[in-house]
N, C-alpha and C. Protein backbone atom coordinates (compact mmCIF):
# COMPACT_ATOMS: atom_id res chain seq x y z
N MET A 1 -16.10 -47.42 -180.35
CA MET A 1 -16.25 -46.22 -179.30
C MET A 1 -15.15 -46.26 -178.30
N LYS A 2 -14.51 -44.77 -178.16
CA LYS A 2 -13.14 -45.21 -176.86
C LYS A 2 -13.97 -44.61 -175.83
N ILE A 3 -13.45 -45.16 -174.52
CA ILE A 3 -14.12 -45.10 -173.43
C ILE A 3 -12.98 -44.87 -172.25
N GLY A 4 -12.86 -43.61 -171.58
CA GLY A 4 -11.80 -43.19 -170.72
C GLY A 4 -11.92 -43.42 -169.31
N TYR A 5 -10.95 -43.49 -168.74
CA TYR A 5 -11.19 -43.74 -167.16
C TYR A 5 -9.82 -42.72 -166.64
N VAL A 6 -10.83 -41.81 -165.35
CA VAL A 6 -9.65 -41.17 -164.89
C VAL A 6 -9.60 -41.08 -163.56
N ARG A 7 -8.38 -41.45 -162.79
CA ARG A 7 -8.56 -41.43 -161.48
C ARG A 7 -7.14 -40.38 -160.75
N VAL A 8 -8.10 -39.49 -159.77
CA VAL A 8 -6.79 -38.51 -159.20
C VAL A 8 -7.22 -39.12 -157.88
N SER A 9 -5.99 -38.73 -157.14
CA SER A 9 -6.10 -38.53 -155.47
C SER A 9 -6.84 -37.76 -154.58
N LYS A 10 -7.31 -38.13 -153.85
CA LYS A 10 -7.93 -36.59 -153.14
C LYS A 10 -7.38 -35.77 -153.21
N GLN A 11 -5.88 -35.85 -152.90
CA GLN A 11 -5.09 -34.43 -152.34
C GLN A 11 -4.97 -34.01 -153.82
N GLU A 12 -4.68 -34.43 -155.00
CA GLU A 12 -4.64 -34.05 -156.57
C GLU A 12 -5.72 -32.71 -156.68
N GLN A 13 -7.14 -33.40 -156.62
CA GLN A 13 -8.18 -32.75 -156.84
C GLN A 13 -7.94 -32.23 -158.15
N ASN A 14 -7.41 -32.62 -159.33
CA ASN A 14 -7.35 -32.10 -160.52
C ASN A 14 -7.65 -32.96 -161.71
N GLU A 15 -8.58 -33.53 -162.30
CA GLU A 15 -8.40 -34.18 -163.60
C GLU A 15 -8.22 -33.64 -164.81
N ALA A 16 -8.30 -32.31 -164.74
CA ALA A 16 -8.52 -31.99 -166.10
C ALA A 16 -7.22 -32.00 -166.97
N LEU A 17 -6.20 -32.51 -166.55
CA LEU A 17 -4.94 -32.98 -167.49
C LEU A 17 -5.22 -34.21 -168.22
N GLN A 18 -5.59 -35.23 -167.27
CA GLN A 18 -6.04 -36.48 -167.95
C GLN A 18 -7.46 -36.55 -169.12
N ILE A 19 -8.16 -35.63 -168.47
CA ILE A 19 -9.54 -35.57 -169.37
C ILE A 19 -9.17 -34.83 -170.72
N ASP A 20 -8.49 -33.83 -170.72
CA ASP A 20 -7.84 -33.33 -171.72
C ASP A 20 -6.68 -34.24 -172.83
N ALA A 21 -6.15 -35.41 -172.08
CA ALA A 21 -5.68 -36.11 -172.85
C ALA A 21 -6.62 -37.49 -173.44
N LEU A 22 -7.41 -37.64 -172.44
CA LEU A 22 -8.16 -38.53 -173.15
C LEU A 22 -9.51 -37.85 -174.54
N LYS A 23 -9.59 -36.53 -174.44
CA LYS A 23 -10.16 -36.11 -175.44
C LYS A 23 -9.41 -36.12 -176.64
N ALA A 24 -7.97 -35.86 -176.51
CA ALA A 24 -7.04 -35.86 -177.83
C ALA A 24 -7.13 -36.99 -178.09
N ALA A 25 -7.21 -38.00 -176.96
CA ALA A 25 -6.97 -39.50 -178.09
C ALA A 25 -8.27 -40.14 -178.55
N GLY A 26 -9.36 -39.07 -178.42
CA GLY A 26 -10.59 -39.47 -179.32
C GLY A 26 -11.63 -39.96 -178.07
N CYS A 27 -11.30 -40.23 -176.72
CA CYS A 27 -12.58 -40.72 -176.04
C CYS A 27 -13.92 -39.70 -176.08
N GLU A 28 -14.73 -40.52 -176.27
CA GLU A 28 -16.08 -40.14 -176.46
C GLU A 28 -16.88 -39.90 -174.96
N LYS A 29 -16.39 -40.53 -174.14
CA LYS A 29 -16.97 -40.66 -172.66
C LYS A 29 -16.25 -41.11 -171.77
N TRP A 30 -16.01 -40.50 -170.45
CA TRP A 30 -15.05 -41.18 -169.54
C TRP A 30 -15.53 -41.31 -167.96
N PHE A 31 -14.90 -41.77 -167.45
CA PHE A 31 -15.59 -42.17 -166.03
C PHE A 31 -14.21 -41.56 -164.94
N VAL A 32 -14.78 -41.25 -164.18
CA VAL A 32 -13.73 -40.35 -163.07
C VAL A 32 -14.05 -40.91 -161.57
N ASP A 33 -12.83 -41.44 -161.14
CA ASP A 33 -12.40 -41.65 -159.24
C ASP A 33 -11.86 -40.46 -159.04
N LYS A 34 -12.12 -40.29 -157.80
CA LYS A 34 -11.08 -39.24 -156.79
C LYS A 34 -11.09 -40.10 -155.56
N MET A 35 -10.10 -40.71 -155.70
CA MET A 35 -10.08 -41.97 -154.50
C MET A 35 -8.44 -41.90 -154.69
N THR A 36 -7.96 -42.77 -153.53
CA THR A 36 -5.98 -43.45 -154.01
C THR A 36 -6.35 -44.57 -154.69
N GLY A 37 -5.28 -44.86 -155.38
CA GLY A 37 -5.26 -46.10 -156.09
C GLY A 37 -5.00 -47.35 -155.25
N SER A 38 -5.09 -47.48 -153.85
CA SER A 38 -4.87 -48.44 -153.31
C SER A 38 -6.35 -49.17 -152.96
N LYS A 39 -7.10 -48.03 -152.93
CA LYS A 39 -8.86 -48.83 -152.61
C LYS A 39 -8.97 -49.67 -153.56
N ALA A 40 -9.84 -50.95 -153.37
CA ALA A 40 -9.92 -51.73 -153.89
C ALA A 40 -11.27 -51.44 -154.69
N GLU A 41 -12.14 -50.84 -153.91
CA GLU A 41 -13.60 -50.50 -154.71
C GLU A 41 -13.42 -49.33 -155.34
N ARG A 42 -13.64 -48.89 -156.54
CA ARG A 42 -13.43 -47.86 -157.05
C ARG A 42 -14.85 -47.93 -158.23
N LYS A 43 -15.62 -46.91 -157.74
CA LYS A 43 -17.19 -46.71 -158.61
C LYS A 43 -16.89 -46.61 -160.11
N GLY A 44 -15.98 -45.47 -160.20
CA GLY A 44 -15.75 -44.92 -161.54
C GLY A 44 -15.19 -46.22 -162.15
N LEU A 45 -14.32 -46.51 -161.79
CA LEU A 45 -13.82 -47.81 -162.97
C LEU A 45 -14.71 -48.98 -163.22
N ASP A 46 -15.36 -49.68 -162.13
CA ASP A 46 -16.63 -50.67 -162.03
C ASP A 46 -18.02 -50.13 -163.10
N GLU A 47 -17.99 -48.71 -163.04
CA GLU A 47 -18.90 -48.16 -164.30
C GLU A 47 -18.48 -48.13 -165.47
N ALA A 48 -17.23 -47.59 -165.73
CA ALA A 48 -16.60 -47.65 -166.94
C ALA A 48 -16.41 -49.34 -167.65
N LEU A 49 -16.29 -50.46 -166.58
CA LEU A 49 -15.75 -51.22 -167.24
C LEU A 49 -17.60 -52.36 -167.68
N ALA A 50 -18.46 -51.24 -166.85
CA ALA A 50 -19.64 -52.07 -167.40
C ALA A 50 -20.08 -51.92 -168.50
N TYR A 51 -19.64 -50.25 -168.81
CA TYR A 51 -20.18 -49.48 -169.76
C TYR A 51 -19.81 -49.66 -171.62
N VAL A 52 -18.48 -50.59 -171.35
CA VAL A 52 -17.43 -50.94 -172.45
C VAL A 52 -18.20 -51.86 -173.10
N ARG A 53 -18.12 -52.21 -174.44
CA ARG A 53 -18.49 -53.33 -175.25
C ARG A 53 -17.68 -53.67 -176.25
N PRO A 54 -17.77 -54.84 -176.33
CA PRO A 54 -16.99 -55.56 -177.15
C PRO A 54 -16.60 -54.85 -178.53
N GLY A 55 -15.46 -54.62 -178.79
CA GLY A 55 -14.98 -53.64 -179.82
C GLY A 55 -14.75 -52.21 -179.41
N ASP A 56 -15.08 -52.09 -178.34
CA ASP A 56 -14.53 -50.36 -178.16
C ASP A 56 -13.37 -50.47 -177.54
N THR A 57 -13.20 -49.63 -176.94
CA THR A 57 -11.29 -49.48 -176.44
C THR A 57 -11.37 -48.95 -175.05
N PHE A 58 -10.82 -49.13 -174.01
CA PHE A 58 -10.70 -48.38 -173.04
C PHE A 58 -9.37 -47.96 -172.84
N VAL A 59 -9.54 -46.46 -172.50
CA VAL A 59 -8.02 -45.62 -172.53
C VAL A 59 -7.83 -45.57 -171.46
N VAL A 60 -6.73 -45.10 -170.71
CA VAL A 60 -6.29 -44.33 -169.42
C VAL A 60 -5.07 -43.39 -169.48
N TRP A 61 -4.96 -42.84 -169.40
CA TRP A 61 -4.00 -41.41 -169.30
C TRP A 61 -2.35 -42.01 -169.06
N LYS A 62 -2.54 -42.89 -167.68
CA LYS A 62 -1.19 -43.60 -167.51
C LYS A 62 -1.54 -44.94 -166.71
N LEU A 63 -0.71 -45.59 -166.64
CA LEU A 63 -0.83 -47.33 -166.52
C LEU A 63 -1.43 -47.29 -164.86
N ASP A 64 -0.81 -46.35 -164.08
CA ASP A 64 -1.20 -46.62 -163.00
C ASP A 64 -2.26 -46.06 -162.38
N ARG A 65 -3.06 -45.24 -163.58
CA ARG A 65 -4.30 -44.97 -163.00
C ARG A 65 -5.44 -45.68 -162.95
N ALA A 66 -5.18 -47.01 -163.72
CA ALA A 66 -6.06 -48.24 -163.92
C ALA A 66 -5.78 -49.31 -163.20
N GLY A 67 -4.83 -50.07 -162.77
CA GLY A 67 -4.69 -50.79 -161.78
C GLY A 67 -3.55 -50.39 -160.14
N ARG A 68 -4.33 -51.22 -159.38
CA ARG A 68 -3.67 -50.74 -158.05
C ARG A 68 -2.02 -51.23 -157.90
N SER A 69 -2.09 -52.33 -158.72
CA SER A 69 -0.74 -52.94 -158.72
C SER A 69 -0.50 -53.72 -160.16
N LEU A 70 0.86 -54.13 -160.19
CA LEU A 70 0.95 -54.73 -161.45
C LEU A 70 -0.15 -56.19 -161.77
N THR A 71 -0.31 -56.62 -160.55
CA THR A 71 -1.02 -57.94 -160.68
C THR A 71 -2.56 -57.28 -160.73
N HIS A 72 -3.22 -56.45 -160.24
CA HIS A 72 -4.33 -55.89 -160.63
C HIS A 72 -4.35 -55.61 -162.20
N LEU A 73 -3.64 -54.59 -162.46
CA LEU A 73 -3.16 -54.64 -163.95
C LEU A 73 -3.56 -55.25 -165.01
N ILE A 74 -2.92 -56.58 -164.45
CA ILE A 74 -2.75 -57.71 -165.47
C ILE A 74 -4.18 -58.17 -165.45
N GLU A 75 -5.19 -58.46 -164.52
CA GLU A 75 -6.33 -59.03 -164.29
C GLU A 75 -7.17 -58.00 -165.10
N LEU A 76 -6.93 -57.02 -164.76
CA LEU A 76 -8.25 -55.98 -165.84
C LEU A 76 -7.86 -56.14 -167.14
N LEU A 77 -6.30 -56.19 -167.51
CA LEU A 77 -6.21 -56.10 -168.93
C LEU A 77 -6.67 -57.23 -169.80
N LYS A 78 -6.48 -58.75 -168.72
CA LYS A 78 -6.88 -60.01 -169.31
C LYS A 78 -8.58 -60.13 -169.44
N GLY A 79 -9.19 -59.40 -168.32
CA GLY A 79 -10.64 -59.06 -168.53
C GLY A 79 -10.98 -58.59 -169.84
N LEU A 80 -10.35 -57.08 -169.84
CA LEU A 80 -10.66 -56.93 -171.47
C LEU A 80 -10.61 -57.56 -172.25
N GLN A 81 -9.46 -58.19 -172.53
CA GLN A 81 -9.14 -59.10 -173.60
C GLN A 81 -10.35 -60.25 -173.93
N GLY A 82 -10.64 -60.70 -172.51
CA GLY A 82 -11.79 -61.87 -173.03
C GLY A 82 -12.93 -61.32 -173.20
N ARG A 83 -13.25 -59.90 -173.23
CA ARG A 83 -14.26 -59.33 -173.39
C ARG A 83 -14.09 -58.50 -174.84
N ASN A 84 -13.25 -58.76 -175.67
CA ASN A 84 -12.63 -58.29 -177.01
C ASN A 84 -12.99 -56.83 -176.87
N ILE A 85 -12.19 -56.42 -175.44
CA ILE A 85 -12.19 -55.03 -175.59
C ILE A 85 -10.58 -54.60 -175.81
N GLU A 86 -10.37 -53.38 -176.32
CA GLU A 86 -8.75 -53.14 -176.56
C GLU A 86 -8.50 -52.35 -175.44
N PHE A 87 -6.97 -51.80 -175.32
CA PHE A 87 -6.96 -51.07 -174.39
C PHE A 87 -5.61 -50.15 -174.97
N VAL A 88 -5.70 -49.15 -174.30
CA VAL A 88 -4.83 -48.04 -174.34
C VAL A 88 -4.16 -47.22 -173.59
N SER A 89 -3.02 -47.10 -173.17
CA SER A 89 -2.36 -46.30 -172.31
C SER A 89 -1.32 -45.22 -172.79
N ILE A 90 -2.10 -44.07 -172.71
CA ILE A 90 -1.64 -42.62 -173.37
C ILE A 90 -0.29 -42.40 -173.47
N THR A 91 0.15 -42.37 -171.95
CA THR A 91 1.76 -42.14 -171.55
C THR A 91 2.81 -42.97 -171.58
N GLU A 92 2.48 -44.40 -171.43
CA GLU A 92 3.43 -45.48 -172.03
C GLU A 92 3.00 -46.15 -173.10
N GLN A 93 2.47 -45.34 -174.04
CA GLN A 93 2.17 -45.72 -175.57
C GLN A 93 1.58 -47.28 -175.76
N ILE A 94 0.97 -47.82 -174.81
CA ILE A 94 0.88 -49.20 -174.92
C ILE A 94 -0.89 -49.09 -175.51
N ASP A 95 -0.92 -50.07 -176.53
CA ASP A 95 -1.91 -49.74 -177.46
C ASP A 95 -2.55 -51.63 -178.05
N THR A 96 -3.37 -52.21 -177.38
CA THR A 96 -3.62 -53.37 -177.89
C THR A 96 -4.50 -53.68 -179.38
N THR A 97 -4.31 -52.32 -179.89
CA THR A 97 -5.14 -52.53 -180.92
C THR A 97 -3.85 -52.53 -182.31
N THR A 98 -2.40 -52.41 -181.77
CA THR A 98 -1.57 -52.64 -183.01
C THR A 98 -0.82 -53.93 -182.56
N PRO A 99 0.20 -54.19 -183.13
CA PRO A 99 0.56 -55.28 -183.04
C PRO A 99 2.00 -55.29 -182.06
N GLY A 100 2.48 -54.12 -181.82
CA GLY A 100 3.48 -53.99 -180.86
C GLY A 100 3.04 -54.05 -179.08
N GLY A 101 1.71 -53.53 -179.61
CA GLY A 101 0.97 -53.69 -178.29
C GLY A 101 0.00 -54.85 -177.71
N LYS A 102 0.15 -55.76 -178.89
CA LYS A 102 -0.20 -56.92 -178.58
C LYS A 102 0.86 -57.89 -178.06
N LEU A 103 1.89 -57.59 -178.63
CA LEU A 103 3.11 -58.24 -177.89
C LEU A 103 3.50 -57.96 -176.53
N ILE A 104 3.32 -56.70 -176.39
CA ILE A 104 3.37 -56.21 -174.87
C ILE A 104 2.75 -56.92 -173.84
N PHE A 105 1.68 -57.29 -174.29
CA PHE A 105 0.72 -57.71 -173.34
C PHE A 105 0.88 -58.80 -172.43
N PRO A 106 1.38 -60.20 -173.47
CA PRO A 106 1.62 -61.05 -172.44
C PRO A 106 3.19 -60.85 -172.04
N LEU A 107 3.82 -59.72 -172.30
CA LEU A 107 5.31 -59.88 -171.35
C LEU A 107 4.70 -59.24 -169.92
N MET A 108 3.80 -58.28 -170.13
CA MET A 108 3.16 -57.87 -169.01
C MET A 108 3.01 -58.90 -167.80
N GLY A 109 2.20 -60.14 -168.46
CA GLY A 109 1.80 -60.70 -167.74
C GLY A 109 2.78 -61.70 -167.20
N ALA A 110 3.74 -62.22 -167.84
CA ALA A 110 5.15 -62.96 -167.43
C ALA A 110 5.35 -62.03 -166.67
N LEU A 111 5.74 -60.60 -166.39
CA LEU A 111 6.49 -60.24 -165.79
C LEU A 111 5.57 -60.21 -164.11
N ALA A 112 4.01 -60.14 -164.09
CA ALA A 112 3.29 -60.10 -162.99
C ALA A 112 3.68 -61.03 -162.45
N GLU A 113 3.35 -62.38 -163.17
CA GLU A 113 3.72 -63.89 -162.24
C GLU A 113 4.99 -64.05 -162.04
N PHE A 114 6.52 -63.46 -162.33
CA PHE A 114 7.15 -63.44 -161.94
C PHE A 114 7.32 -62.78 -160.47
N GLU A 115 6.96 -61.42 -160.39
CA GLU A 115 6.68 -60.42 -159.32
C GLU A 115 6.14 -61.31 -158.32
N ARG A 116 4.75 -62.19 -158.55
CA ARG A 116 4.28 -62.72 -157.84
C ARG A 116 4.87 -63.79 -157.07
N ASP A 117 5.91 -64.53 -158.14
CA ASP A 117 6.64 -65.36 -157.43
C ASP A 117 7.81 -65.31 -156.64
N LEU A 118 8.74 -63.97 -156.95
CA LEU A 118 9.43 -63.22 -156.08
C LEU A 118 8.98 -62.84 -154.62
N ILE A 119 7.99 -62.64 -154.77
CA ILE A 119 7.23 -61.98 -153.65
C ILE A 119 7.20 -63.24 -152.79
N ARG A 120 6.28 -64.34 -152.92
CA ARG A 120 6.31 -65.43 -152.39
C ARG A 120 7.61 -66.37 -151.69
N GLU A 121 8.44 -66.10 -152.81
CA GLU A 121 9.60 -66.66 -152.30
C GLU A 121 10.75 -65.82 -151.35
N ARG A 122 10.56 -64.72 -151.14
CA ARG A 122 10.88 -63.62 -150.30
C ARG A 122 10.33 -63.87 -149.29
N ALA A 123 8.93 -63.95 -149.09
CA ALA A 123 8.29 -64.21 -147.56
C ALA A 123 8.43 -65.60 -146.91
N LYS A 124 8.43 -66.67 -147.55
CA LYS A 124 9.14 -67.63 -147.32
C LYS A 124 10.32 -67.71 -146.56
N ALA A 125 11.43 -67.25 -147.81
CA ALA A 125 12.74 -66.97 -146.65
C ALA A 125 12.88 -66.22 -145.42
N GLY A 126 12.14 -65.26 -145.38
CA GLY A 126 11.97 -64.44 -144.21
C GLY A 126 11.14 -64.97 -143.09
N LEU A 127 9.99 -65.74 -143.46
CA LEU A 127 9.42 -66.62 -142.27
C LEU A 127 10.38 -67.84 -141.71
N ALA A 128 11.35 -68.63 -142.73
CA ALA A 128 12.03 -69.57 -142.41
C ALA A 128 13.25 -68.89 -141.36
N ALA A 129 13.62 -67.68 -141.97
CA ALA A 129 14.88 -67.21 -140.82
C ALA A 129 14.32 -66.70 -139.67
N ALA A 130 13.31 -66.13 -139.57
CA ALA A 130 12.50 -65.44 -138.14
C ALA A 130 12.22 -67.34 -137.76
N ARG A 131 12.04 -68.32 -137.75
CA ARG A 131 11.60 -69.34 -137.17
C ARG A 131 13.15 -69.95 -136.78
N ALA A 132 14.24 -69.69 -137.29
CA ALA A 132 15.47 -70.48 -136.87
C ALA A 132 16.21 -69.31 -136.20
N ARG A 133 15.56 -68.23 -136.00
CA ARG A 133 16.04 -66.88 -134.64
C ARG A 133 14.90 -67.41 -133.47
N GLY A 134 14.07 -68.57 -133.79
CA GLY A 134 13.23 -68.85 -132.53
C GLY A 134 12.23 -68.06 -132.64
N ARG A 135 11.64 -66.91 -133.65
CA ARG A 135 10.56 -66.28 -133.52
C ARG A 135 9.62 -67.00 -134.44
N VAL A 136 8.14 -66.93 -133.24
CA VAL A 136 7.37 -67.73 -134.19
C VAL A 136 6.04 -66.27 -134.69
N GLY A 137 5.28 -66.63 -135.70
CA GLY A 137 4.51 -65.80 -135.97
C GLY A 137 3.36 -65.52 -135.15
N GLY A 138 2.14 -65.23 -135.40
CA GLY A 138 0.81 -64.95 -134.84
C GLY A 138 1.07 -63.51 -133.54
N ARG A 139 0.25 -63.41 -133.06
CA ARG A 139 -0.22 -62.36 -132.05
C ARG A 139 0.93 -62.75 -130.92
N PRO A 140 1.27 -62.07 -130.22
CA PRO A 140 1.98 -62.15 -128.64
C PRO A 140 0.93 -62.74 -127.95
N ARG A 141 1.40 -63.67 -127.11
CA ARG A 141 0.56 -63.99 -125.84
C ARG A 141 0.15 -62.75 -124.77
N LYS A 142 -1.09 -62.80 -124.41
CA LYS A 142 -1.54 -61.78 -123.40
C LYS A 142 -0.84 -62.06 -121.68
N LEU A 143 -0.46 -63.32 -121.59
CA LEU A 143 -0.01 -63.39 -120.32
C LEU A 143 1.36 -63.93 -120.73
N LYS A 144 2.20 -63.51 -120.54
CA LYS A 144 3.98 -63.27 -121.09
C LYS A 144 4.28 -64.66 -119.92
N THR A 145 4.07 -64.43 -118.73
CA THR A 145 5.07 -65.53 -117.94
C THR A 145 4.32 -66.70 -117.66
N ASN A 146 4.79 -67.62 -117.58
CA ASN A 146 3.90 -68.81 -116.67
C ASN A 146 3.52 -68.86 -115.48
N GLY A 147 3.97 -68.05 -114.63
CA GLY A 147 3.29 -67.52 -113.21
C GLY A 147 2.07 -67.19 -113.37
N LYS A 148 1.86 -65.94 -114.16
CA LYS A 148 0.27 -65.43 -114.49
C LYS A 148 -0.61 -66.68 -115.52
N VAL A 149 0.17 -67.22 -116.07
CA VAL A 149 -0.72 -68.53 -116.76
C VAL A 149 -0.98 -69.79 -115.32
N ALA A 150 -0.11 -69.68 -114.46
CA ALA A 150 -0.62 -70.62 -113.90
C ALA A 150 -1.49 -69.84 -112.78
N LEU A 151 -1.50 -68.55 -112.45
CA LEU A 151 -2.56 -68.11 -111.86
C LEU A 151 -3.80 -68.02 -112.20
N ALA A 152 -4.20 -67.55 -113.69
CA ALA A 152 -5.03 -67.73 -114.30
C ALA A 152 -6.06 -69.23 -114.30
N ARG A 153 -4.91 -70.23 -114.06
CA ARG A 153 -5.55 -71.58 -114.02
C ARG A 153 -6.08 -71.77 -112.73
N GLN A 154 -5.25 -71.12 -111.45
CA GLN A 154 -5.31 -71.55 -110.53
C GLN A 154 -7.14 -70.81 -110.05
N MET A 155 -6.80 -69.69 -110.15
CA MET A 155 -8.31 -69.03 -109.87
C MET A 155 -9.50 -69.78 -110.74
N PHE A 156 -9.10 -70.11 -112.01
CA PHE A 156 -10.39 -70.78 -112.44
C PHE A 156 -10.59 -71.91 -111.92
N ALA A 157 -9.69 -72.60 -111.62
CA ALA A 157 -10.21 -73.97 -110.46
C ALA A 157 -10.56 -73.87 -108.91
N ASP A 158 -9.92 -72.85 -108.63
CA ASP A 158 -10.71 -72.27 -107.21
C ASP A 158 -12.36 -72.19 -107.32
N GLN A 159 -12.84 -71.48 -108.19
CA GLN A 159 -14.24 -71.35 -108.36
C GLN A 159 -14.92 -70.34 -107.37
N SER A 160 -14.07 -69.62 -106.50
CA SER A 160 -14.43 -68.51 -105.88
C SER A 160 -14.33 -67.28 -106.29
N HIS A 161 -13.59 -67.24 -107.40
CA HIS A 161 -13.85 -65.99 -108.21
C HIS A 161 -14.93 -66.05 -109.39
N SER A 162 -15.65 -65.44 -109.88
CA SER A 162 -16.18 -64.88 -111.17
C SER A 162 -15.24 -65.13 -112.38
N ILE A 163 -15.97 -65.50 -113.58
CA ILE A 163 -14.87 -65.35 -114.89
C ILE A 163 -14.70 -64.02 -114.68
N PRO A 164 -15.85 -62.74 -115.18
CA PRO A 164 -15.34 -61.73 -115.10
C PRO A 164 -14.34 -60.90 -114.15
N GLU A 165 -14.31 -61.44 -113.06
CA GLU A 165 -13.42 -61.17 -112.14
C GLU A 165 -12.17 -61.53 -112.20
N ILE A 166 -11.89 -62.74 -112.85
CA ILE A 166 -10.79 -63.21 -113.06
C ILE A 166 -10.04 -62.57 -114.64
N CYS A 167 -10.85 -62.42 -115.59
CA CYS A 167 -10.43 -61.74 -116.65
C CYS A 167 -10.14 -59.97 -116.02
N ALA A 168 -11.04 -59.50 -115.88
CA ALA A 168 -10.36 -58.05 -115.08
C ALA A 168 -9.45 -58.39 -114.50
N ALA A 169 -9.00 -58.85 -113.45
CA ALA A 169 -7.84 -58.89 -112.29
C ALA A 169 -6.32 -59.28 -113.63
N LEU A 170 -6.74 -60.25 -114.68
CA LEU A 170 -5.33 -60.62 -115.21
C LEU A 170 -5.59 -59.58 -116.64
N GLY A 171 -6.63 -59.05 -116.54
CA GLY A 171 -6.59 -58.00 -118.23
C GLY A 171 -6.61 -59.01 -119.49
N ILE A 172 -7.52 -59.92 -119.41
CA ILE A 172 -7.48 -60.85 -120.48
C ILE A 172 -9.01 -60.93 -120.85
N SER A 173 -9.46 -61.45 -121.87
CA SER A 173 -10.76 -61.64 -122.29
C SER A 173 -11.01 -63.16 -122.01
N ARG A 174 -12.53 -63.04 -121.91
CA ARG A 174 -13.06 -64.38 -121.68
C ARG A 174 -12.43 -66.06 -122.44
N ALA A 175 -12.35 -65.44 -123.89
CA ALA A 175 -12.05 -66.45 -125.04
C ALA A 175 -10.46 -67.06 -124.34
N THR A 176 -9.60 -65.83 -123.91
CA THR A 176 -8.24 -66.15 -123.75
C THR A 176 -7.84 -66.74 -122.63
N LEU A 177 -8.85 -66.88 -121.26
CA LEU A 177 -9.07 -67.42 -120.12
C LEU A 177 -9.01 -68.65 -120.48
N TYR A 178 -10.34 -69.21 -121.33
CA TYR A 178 -10.55 -70.13 -121.78
C TYR A 178 -9.55 -70.94 -122.77
N ARG A 179 -8.93 -70.43 -123.10
CA ARG A 179 -7.56 -71.14 -124.03
C ARG A 179 -6.97 -71.43 -123.24
N TYR A 180 -6.40 -70.80 -122.19
CA TYR A 180 -5.28 -71.21 -121.17
C TYR A 180 -5.95 -72.24 -120.37
N VAL A 181 -6.95 -72.45 -120.44
CA VAL A 181 -7.20 -73.47 -119.26
C VAL A 181 -7.71 -74.53 -119.88
N LYS A 182 -7.86 -74.84 -121.49
CA LYS A 182 -7.75 -75.97 -122.55
C LYS A 182 -6.45 -76.27 -122.59
N GLU A 183 -5.22 -75.34 -122.33
CA GLU A 183 -4.22 -76.01 -122.93
C GLU A 183 -3.69 -76.67 -121.83
N VAL A 184 -4.02 -77.00 -120.43
CA VAL A 184 -3.99 -77.75 -119.64
C VAL A 184 -4.54 -78.89 -119.64
N GLU A 185 -5.96 -78.79 -120.15
CA GLU A 185 -6.88 -80.00 -120.15
C GLU A 185 -6.29 -80.79 -121.21
N SER A 186 -5.89 -80.47 -122.43
CA SER A 186 -5.37 -81.32 -123.62
C SER A 186 -3.91 -81.33 -123.64
N PRO A 187 -3.67 -82.51 -123.06
CA PRO A 187 -2.08 -82.51 -123.44
C PRO A 187 -1.68 -82.67 -124.91
N THR A 188 -0.52 -81.70 -125.01
CA THR A 188 -0.19 -81.17 -126.62
C THR A 188 1.54 -81.75 -126.75
């Protein structure tokens, strides 16, 4: 049995093109999502994946309709393959029921792994370059000058001001105040 999956963005609001293509491909049933592809939770996709059985064929109009990213698409295809479910993308003419389609599947996996490695490598290089320029990651400190930090510590040590008063005067949270006070107590 051929099971189809349709996803349209909320802006498009027209799934007729995809449904017509799925009907022409021989799909007997299809599931629809009307949302952007970047959303992790897609009810229609989840329902379609729960519905398909071993020996069925999962059909999409275009690859980008099924996966949020190449990595997500590869995971989806591996999951289908593990359950003995074939995959067809009408537009790209990828059909894992044919020898050519079976050849393309591992190549897509290799490309996805290559893409992940490149992203990881670029991120490491970018962080190293930022550190070399003196930039550190994380959120900027709330009290930017040493004078304000010293004032916070002095007000805390004085004990004539309540914690909420100190926090309000400096525009910081309780946790931030205690973090600055703790930095003095524990030498690093």
